[in-house]
Amino acid sequence: MKVLDLRCSSDHRFEGWFASEDDFQSQSARGLVTCPVCGDPAIVRLPSAPRLNVSGAREPREVARARGDRGAPDERSRDAAIARAPAATPPAGGAGVPVPVAMQALWLQAVQHVLAHTDDVGDRFAEEARRIHYGEADERAIRGRASPEETQALLDEGIEVMPLPLPEALKGPVQ
């Protein structure tokens, strides 16, 4: 399994899992790889550091001692060196996180909250918003689709509405 760092033309960054590089290329060419935020099919692979599993590559200490290697520090000096090393402290307040990534995360969080706490009324949005506003239906949070004309008519009637573009990829389960 290959984990690839990807980016769409709107600079949304995400990760994709593929059986191989060829699998990614094939799916991308067929338009199957799209941005989970905006649905953009123009996806490019970003350079990423390979994951190296070096724990199995180290020679056991006993084997090195049996060969007579003197270059490796013994257990006590290694522990002492670790104890003297300054601890790495993460930047306060997420200062090391690039703003676009942080904004994407906040936007995704907001969208997921809206999806989890509203009823989707689809194309009946304007009609249902009026029913709720005039007390003909129980008050609840709704979402749906309305034309620009319907949206303006709702605003003219004093019914507060707000457009929030929801990518199709987020309307289903997000892995």
Protein backbone atom coordinates (compact mmCIF):
# COMPACT_ATOMS: atom_id res chain seq x y z
CA MET A 1 0.00 0.00 0.00
CA LYS A 2 1.36 3.43 -0.93
CA VAL A 3 0.28 6.54 0.94
CA LEU A 4 0.62 9.58 -1.32
CA ASP A 5 0.46 13.26 -0.44
CA LEU A 6 -1.87 14.94 -2.94
CA ARG A 7 -3.05 18.47 -3.76
CA CYS A 8 -5.83 19.87 -5.94
CA SER A 9 -5.66 23.04 -8.04
CA SER A 10 -7.26 24.97 -5.14
CA ASP A 11 -4.30 24.00 -2.94
CA HIS A 12 -6.30 21.62 -0.73
CA ARG A 13 -3.85 19.02 0.55
CA PHE A 14 -4.86 15.49 1.44
CA GLU A 15 -3.56 11.96 1.44
CA GLY A 16 -4.59 9.02 -0.71
CA TRP A 17 -3.90 5.31 -0.33
CA PHE A 18 -3.19 3.27 -3.46
CA ALA A 19 -1.95 -0.23 -4.23
CA SER A 20 0.89 1.22 -6.32
CA GLU A 21 2.06 4.31 -8.18
CA ASP A 22 0.52 2.84 -11.35
CA ASP A 23 -2.80 2.42 -9.52
CA PHE A 24 -2.77 6.13 -8.60
CA GLN A 25 -1.93 7.12 -12.20
CA SER A 26 -4.68 4.87 -13.58
CA GLN A 27 -7.35 6.13 -11.18
CA SER A 28 -6.29 9.73 -11.71
CA ALA A 29 -6.44 9.39 -15.51
CA ARG A 30 -9.99 8.00 -15.24
CA GLY A 31 -11.09 10.92 -13.02
CA LEU A 32 -11.61 8.72 -9.98
CA VAL A 33 -9.27 10.72 -7.74
CA THR A 34 -10.92 13.96 -6.64
CA CYS A 35 -10.35 16.46 -3.86
CA PRO A 36 -12.44 15.53 -0.79
CA VAL A 37 -12.93 19.23 -0.01
CA CYS A 38 -14.00 20.71 -3.35
CA GLY A 39 -14.37 17.73 -5.70
CA ASP A 40 -11.68 19.02 -8.09
CA PRO A 41 -10.33 16.20 -10.31
CA ALA A 42 -7.10 18.13 -11.12
CA ILE A 43 -4.90 16.31 -8.60
CA VAL A 44 -1.11 16.34 -8.42
CA ARG A 45 1.17 14.20 -6.30
CA LEU A 46 3.35 16.08 -3.84
CA PRO A 47 6.83 14.97 -2.89
CA SER A 48 6.80 13.07 0.37
CA ALA A 49 9.39 11.51 2.60
CA PRO A 50 9.43 7.74 2.45
CA ARG A 51 8.69 5.87 5.63
CA LEU A 52 11.80 3.97 6.62
CA ASN A 53 11.51 1.08 9.01
CA VAL A 54 14.99 1.27 10.52
CA SER A 55 14.27 -0.61 13.75
CA GLY A 56 14.80 -3.96 12.01
CA ALA A 57 17.92 -2.70 10.23
CA ARG A 58 19.88 -2.14 13.43
CA GLU A 59 22.31 -4.80 14.45
CA PRO A 60 21.63 -6.25 17.89
CA ARG A 61 24.07 -4.98 20.52
CA GLU A 62 25.16 -8.53 21.42
CA VAL A 63 26.20 -9.27 17.82
CA ALA A 64 28.23 -6.04 17.65
CA ARG A 65 29.96 -6.86 20.94
CA ALA A 66 30.74 -10.40 19.77
CA ARG A 67 32.41 -8.96 16.67
CA GLY A 68 34.43 -6.66 18.89
CA ASP A 69 32.95 -3.34 17.69
CA ARG A 70 33.92 -0.59 20.07
CA GLY A 71 32.32 2.30 18.16
CA ALA A 72 28.82 1.87 19.62
CA PRO A 73 28.26 3.57 22.97
CA ASP A 74 27.25 1.36 25.84
CA GLU A 75 23.80 1.54 27.44
CA ARG A 76 24.75 4.01 30.21
CA SER A 77 26.46 6.58 27.97
CA ARG A 78 23.58 6.45 25.46
CA ASP A 79 21.03 7.04 28.23
CA ALA A 80 23.14 9.89 29.63
CA ALA A 81 23.33 11.53 26.19
CA ILE A 82 19.55 11.30 25.85
CA ALA A 83 19.04 12.79 29.31
CA ARG A 84 21.27 15.78 28.43
CA ALA A 85 19.57 16.46 25.09
CA PRO A 86 17.10 19.35 25.20
CA ALA A 87 13.49 18.26 24.82
CA ALA A 88 11.80 19.31 21.62
CA THR A 89 8.81 21.49 22.46
CA PRO A 90 6.10 21.99 19.88
CA PRO A 91 5.33 25.61 18.96
CA ALA A 92 2.61 27.14 21.09
CA GLY A 93 -0.81 27.66 19.57
CA GLY A 94 -0.09 25.63 16.44
CA ALA A 95 2.32 28.29 15.19
CA GLY A 96 4.12 25.71 13.07
CA VAL A 97 0.98 24.77 11.12
CA PRO A 98 0.67 26.56 7.79
CA VAL A 99 -2.40 28.79 7.67
CA PRO A 100 -4.00 27.12 4.63
CA VAL A 101 -3.85 23.72 6.33
CA ALA A 102 -5.26 25.12 9.58
CA MET A 103 -8.04 26.92 7.68
CA GLN A 104 -8.88 23.74 5.77
CA ALA A 105 -9.14 21.82 9.02
CA LEU A 106 -11.43 24.45 10.57
CA TRP A 107 -13.60 24.57 7.46
CA LEU A 108 -13.90 20.77 7.38
CA GLN A 109 -14.82 20.78 11.07
CA ALA A 110 -17.53 23.40 10.48
CA VAL A 111 -18.95 21.51 7.49
CA GLN A 112 -19.01 18.23 9.41
CA HIS A 113 -20.81 19.97 12.28
CA VAL A 114 -23.42 21.39 9.87
CA LEU A 115 -23.92 17.98 8.25
CA ALA A 116 -24.31 16.26 11.63
CA HIS A 117 -26.71 18.82 13.14
CA THR A 118 -29.06 19.76 10.28
CA ASP A 119 -31.81 18.09 8.27
CA ASP A 120 -31.26 17.95 4.51
CA VAL A 121 -34.47 19.15 2.85
CA GLY A 122 -32.92 19.22 -0.62
CA ASP A 123 -34.67 21.34 -3.24
CA ARG A 124 -37.51 22.13 -0.80
CA PHE A 125 -35.20 24.45 1.18
CA ALA A 126 -36.99 27.75 0.46
CA GLU A 127 -40.44 26.23 1.10
CA GLU A 128 -39.33 24.55 4.35
CA ALA A 129 -37.50 27.69 5.57
CA ARG A 130 -40.73 29.67 5.11
CA ARG A 131 -42.80 27.03 6.94
CA ILE A 132 -40.40 27.14 9.89
CA HIS A 133 -40.22 30.95 9.87
CA TYR A 134 -44.01 31.36 9.88
CA GLY A 135 -44.56 28.66 12.54
CA GLU A 136 -46.15 26.10 10.20
CA ALA A 137 -43.41 23.54 10.98
CA ASP A 138 -41.31 22.71 14.02
CA GLU A 139 -38.24 24.90 14.40
CA ARG A 140 -35.07 23.02 13.47
CA ALA A 141 -31.81 23.55 11.63
CA ILE A 142 -32.10 22.72 7.94
CA ARG A 143 -29.91 22.70 4.87
CA GLY A 144 -30.70 22.29 1.21
CA ARG A 145 -30.55 23.94 -2.18
CA ALA A 146 -32.11 27.21 -3.30
CA SER A 147 -31.66 29.30 -6.41
CA PRO A 148 -30.19 32.81 -6.07
CA GLU A 149 -33.69 34.21 -6.66
CA GLU A 150 -35.22 32.03 -3.92
CA THR A 151 -32.40 33.00 -1.56
CA GLN A 152 -32.97 36.71 -2.21
CA ALA A 153 -36.73 36.31 -1.69
CA LEU A 154 -36.10 34.61 1.67
CA LEU A 155 -33.78 37.44 2.73
CA ASP A 156 -36.38 40.02 1.62
CA GLU A 157 -38.94 38.28 3.87
CA GLY A 158 -36.56 38.54 6.83
CA ILE A 159 -35.62 34.87 6.80
CA GLU A 160 -31.90 34.54 7.50
CA VAL A 161 -30.10 32.14 5.18
CA MET A 162 -26.45 31.60 4.46
CA PRO A 163 -24.83 29.80 1.54
CA LEU A 164 -22.40 27.07 2.53
CA PRO A 165 -21.00 25.09 -0.38
CA LEU A 166 -20.83 21.43 0.59
CA PRO A 167 -18.66 19.18 -1.57
CA GLU A 168 -20.37 15.97 -2.66
CA ALA A 169 -17.54 13.94 -1.14
CA LEU A 170 -18.43 15.18 2.36
CA LYS A 171 -22.13 14.38 2.09
CA GLY A 172 -21.40 10.67 2.53
CA PRO A 173 -19.20 8.97 5.11
CA VAL A 174 -15.69 10.39 5.31
CA GLN A 175 -12.98 7.78 5.89
